């Protein structure tokens, strides 16, 4: 996964409306740490040299711009999850709406399994860019490929950028469906843990792109 791959996903994320006001960030694991989008620069203007490589302590290894303010949760997730090679953080509209109510997404639909479990958790609130937020994110992502961040947005993980982006898009889709269901006044019917275990078994090779 190259710098150009990161930029392409970041630009696609922006075009999809998932990154208003240049919110969000994208990273991939490297041999020495991780490569991440810089703070403050519009994705449409990014060039490969603008990306910043950090080690897991936050030391800059390469790049002249400031790294994303959320580098701490990227570093913490890579440290905690050997299976993760790409991270996407966004403020997609419907999922962020749920996060502002501090509500996760239960198994109202079997596609919740794309996030690795029988729900999508919402991590507790902490100020953006802090180690406290990083800790909450790691906990909410335990055995998961996605979580919401209270009053903030979404984190999606993958073994590749395309995989993480697929998860991020589906989380937004599920959030919209769940909000529509709640707004209709109908009560969501939640799939049982036993059924979700069967679904998860079928999803073992799902979205491994």
Protein backbone atom coordinates (compact mmCIF):
# COMPACT_ATOMS: atom_id res chain seq x y z
CA UNK A 1 0.00 0.00 0.00
CA UNK A 2 1.61 3.19 -1.21
CA UNK A 3 1.19 6.88 -0.43
CA UNK A 4 -0.78 7.18 -3.67
CA UNK A 5 -3.16 4.46 -2.44
CA UNK A 6 -3.77 6.40 0.79
CA UNK A 7 -4.44 9.59 -1.16
CA UNK A 8 -6.84 7.83 -3.53
CA UNK A 9 -8.90 6.45 -0.62
CA UNK A 10 -8.84 9.79 1.21
CA UNK A 11 -10.10 11.56 -1.90
CA UNK A 12 -12.81 8.94 -2.42
CA UNK A 13 -13.83 9.34 1.22
CA UNK A 14 -14.07 13.10 0.76
CA UNK A 15 -16.07 12.77 -2.46
CA UNK A 16 -18.53 10.47 -0.68
CA UNK A 17 -19.23 13.19 1.90
CA UNK A 18 -17.55 11.27 4.70
CA UNK A 19 -14.98 14.00 5.50
CA UNK A 20 -16.63 17.44 5.76
CA UNK A 21 -14.20 20.30 6.39
CA UNK A 22 -11.27 17.93 5.82
CA UNK A 23 -12.24 15.81 8.84
CA UNK A 24 -11.00 12.25 9.17
CA UNK A 25 -7.70 10.58 8.36
CA UNK A 26 -6.24 7.54 6.63
CA UNK A 27 -3.16 5.44 7.45
CA UNK A 28 -1.36 2.24 6.56
CA UNK A 29 1.16 0.20 8.51
CA UNK A 30 4.82 0.40 7.42
CA UNK A 31 7.89 -1.59 8.41
CA UNK A 32 8.88 1.09 10.93
CA UNK A 33 5.48 2.37 12.00
CA UNK A 34 2.72 3.87 9.89
CA UNK A 35 2.08 6.39 7.11
CA UNK A 36 -0.74 8.86 7.75
CA UNK A 37 -2.45 11.83 6.12
CA UNK A 38 -1.31 15.24 7.36
CA UNK A 39 -3.29 17.71 9.46
CA UNK A 40 -5.24 20.45 7.78
CA UNK A 41 -4.50 19.92 4.11
CA UNK A 42 -7.47 19.25 1.80
CA UNK A 43 -7.39 15.74 0.39
CA UNK A 44 -7.82 17.05 -3.14
CA UNK A 45 -4.45 18.81 -2.86
CA UNK A 46 -2.47 15.97 -1.31
CA UNK A 47 0.73 14.72 -2.89
CA UNK A 48 2.72 11.64 -1.80
CA UNK A 49 5.39 13.83 -0.18
CA UNK A 50 2.71 15.39 2.08
CA UNK A 51 2.09 12.16 3.97
CA UNK A 52 3.87 11.65 7.29
CA UNK A 53 5.51 8.46 8.53
CA UNK A 54 5.60 7.98 12.30
CA UNK A 55 6.88 5.28 14.59
CA UNK A 56 4.51 3.96 17.26
CA UNK A 57 5.69 6.57 19.78
CA UNK A 58 4.74 9.42 17.44
CA UNK A 59 8.27 10.28 16.35
CA UNK A 60 8.30 11.63 12.79
CA UNK A 61 10.37 9.40 10.52
CA UNK A 62 9.52 11.08 7.24
CA UNK A 63 7.57 14.14 6.11
CA UNK A 64 7.58 17.89 6.67
CA UNK A 65 3.90 18.47 7.53
CA UNK A 66 2.21 17.86 10.87
CA UNK A 67 0.56 14.42 11.08
CA UNK A 68 -3.16 14.12 11.64
CA UNK A 69 -4.15 15.10 15.17
CA UNK A 70 -5.54 11.58 15.60
CA UNK A 71 -2.19 9.83 15.11
CA UNK A 72 -2.39 8.51 18.68
CA UNK A 73 -5.31 6.18 18.06
CA UNK A 74 -3.72 4.98 14.83
CA UNK A 75 -0.53 4.16 16.74
CA UNK A 76 -2.43 2.47 19.56
CA UNK A 77 -4.55 0.36 17.20
CA UNK A 78 -1.54 -0.83 15.21
CA UNK A 79 0.20 -1.73 18.47
CA UNK A 80 -2.82 -3.68 19.74
CA UNK A 81 -3.86 -5.35 16.48
CA UNK A 82 -1.32 -7.29 14.45
CA UNK A 83 -4.11 -8.16 11.99
CA UNK A 84 -4.67 -4.52 11.01
CA UNK A 85 -2.66 -2.89 8.21
CA UNK A 86 -4.99 0.01 7.33
CA UNK A 87 -7.15 2.44 9.31
CA UNK A 88 -9.79 4.86 8.07
CA UNK A 89 -11.38 7.48 10.32
CA UNK A 90 -14.29 9.51 9.01
CA UNK A 91 -17.29 11.64 10.00
CA UNK A 92 -19.86 9.99 7.71
CA UNK A 93 -23.25 11.67 8.30
CA UNK A 94 -25.55 8.89 9.53
CA UNK A 95 -23.02 7.03 11.64
CA UNK A 96 -21.85 10.29 13.17
CA UNK A 97 -25.47 11.11 14.02
CA UNK A 98 -25.71 7.88 16.01
CA UNK A 99 -22.37 8.60 17.67
CA UNK A 100 -23.73 11.95 18.88
CA UNK A 101 -26.50 10.05 20.66
CA UNK A 102 -23.77 7.73 22.01
CA UNK A 103 -25.57 4.75 20.50
CA UNK A 104 -23.89 1.77 18.89
CA UNK A 105 -25.54 -0.36 16.23
CA UNK A 106 -27.06 -3.71 17.30
CA UNK A 107 -27.54 -6.76 15.08
CA UNK A 108 -30.75 -5.53 13.45
CA UNK A 109 -29.28 -6.77 10.14
CA UNK A 110 -26.88 -9.62 9.50
CA UNK A 111 -24.45 -7.29 7.70
CA UNK A 112 -23.38 -6.04 11.13
CA UNK A 113 -21.02 -9.04 10.83
CA UNK A 114 -18.87 -7.06 8.40
CA UNK A 115 -17.55 -5.25 11.48
CA UNK A 116 -16.49 -8.53 13.05
CA UNK A 117 -19.08 -9.17 15.75
CA UNK A 118 -22.71 -9.06 16.80
CA UNK A 119 -22.76 -5.27 17.22
CA UNK A 120 -20.87 -2.09 16.39
CA UNK A 121 -19.88 -0.48 19.66
CA UNK A 122 -19.78 3.23 20.45
CA UNK A 123 -16.64 4.18 22.36
CA UNK A 124 -17.00 6.65 25.26
CA UNK A 125 -16.32 10.30 24.58
CA UNK A 126 -12.87 11.84 24.95
CA UNK A 127 -11.33 14.97 23.44
CA UNK A 128 -10.06 14.43 19.91
CA UNK A 129 -6.36 13.77 19.51
CA UNK A 130 -5.85 12.50 23.06
CA UNK A 131 -4.41 9.28 24.39
CA UNK A 132 -7.64 8.86 26.35
CA UNK A 133 -9.55 8.67 23.08
CA UNK A 134 -6.99 6.22 21.73
CA UNK A 135 -7.58 3.94 24.72
CA UNK A 136 -11.35 4.07 24.30
CA UNK A 137 -10.99 3.26 20.60
CA UNK A 138 -8.78 0.22 21.20
CA UNK A 139 -11.27 -1.14 23.75
CA UNK A 140 -14.29 -0.58 21.50
CA UNK A 141 -12.46 -2.26 18.61
CA UNK A 142 -11.61 -5.42 20.55
CA UNK A 143 -12.55 -8.28 18.19
CA UNK A 144 -14.11 -5.73 15.83
CA UNK A 145 -13.28 -4.05 12.51
CA UNK A 146 -15.24 -0.88 13.25
CA UNK A 147 -16.55 1.29 16.04
CA UNK A 148 -18.25 4.61 16.54
CA UNK A 149 -16.61 7.35 18.63
CA UNK A 150 -19.06 9.23 20.84
CA UNK A 151 -19.86 12.73 19.55
CA UNK A 152 -17.24 12.26 16.85
CA UNK A 153 -17.35 9.70 14.04
CA UNK A 154 -16.22 6.27 12.87
CA UNK A 155 -13.08 4.12 12.79
CA UNK A 156 -12.84 1.27 10.28
CA UNK A 157 -10.03 -1.29 10.08
CA UNK A 158 -8.75 -3.67 7.45
CA UNK A 159 -5.88 -5.80 6.28
CA UNK A 160 -5.85 -3.41 3.30
CA UNK A 161 -7.11 0.07 2.49
CA UNK A 162 -9.82 -1.34 0.24
CA UNK A 163 -10.94 -3.65 3.03
CA UNK A 164 -11.12 -0.82 5.57
CA UNK A 165 -12.95 1.39 3.09
CA UNK A 166 -15.52 -1.35 2.43
CA UNK A 167 -16.17 -1.60 6.16
CA UNK A 168 -16.47 2.19 6.51
CA UNK A 169 -19.02 2.39 3.70
CA UNK A 170 -21.12 -0.45 5.10
CA UNK A 171 -21.10 1.06 8.60
CA UNK A 172 -22.58 4.25 7.13
CA UNK A 173 -25.18 2.21 5.21
CA UNK A 174 -26.18 0.29 8.34
CA UNK A 175 -26.33 3.46 10.41
CA UNK A 176 -28.73 4.99 7.88
CA UNK A 177 -30.96 1.92 7.87
CA UNK A 178 -30.99 1.79 11.67
CA UNK A 179 -31.86 5.48 11.98
CA UNK A 180 -34.64 5.11 9.40
CA UNK A 181 -36.05 2.17 11.34
CA UNK A 182 -35.98 4.09 14.62
CA UNK A 183 -37.53 7.16 12.97
CA UNK A 184 -40.38 5.04 11.59
CA UNK A 185 -41.47 4.14 15.09
CA UNK A 186 -41.00 0.44 14.43
CA UNK A 187 -39.05 -1.57 16.98
CA UNK A 188 -35.90 -3.19 15.54
CA UNK A 189 -35.86 -6.99 15.75
CA UNK A 190 -32.37 -7.93 16.90
CA UNK A 191 -30.81 -11.15 15.61
CA UNK A 192 -29.78 -13.59 18.34
CA UNK A 193 -26.17 -14.20 19.33
CA UNK A 194 -26.54 -17.77 18.02
CA UNK A 195 -27.65 -16.54 14.59
CA UNK A 196 -24.90 -13.94 14.48
CA UNK A 197 -22.37 -16.67 15.31
CA UNK A 198 -23.59 -18.59 12.25
CA UNK A 199 -23.37 -15.44 10.12
CA UNK A 200 -19.88 -14.63 11.40
CA UNK A 201 -18.73 -18.12 10.46
CA UNK A 202 -19.91 -17.45 6.90
CA UNK A 203 -18.12 -14.07 6.94
CA UNK A 204 -14.67 -15.42 7.74
CA UNK A 205 -13.48 -14.74 4.19
CA UNK A 206 -15.81 -11.81 3.54
CA UNK A 207 -14.18 -8.54 2.47
CA UNK A 208 -10.59 -9.72 2.69
CA UNK A 209 -9.63 -7.51 -0.23
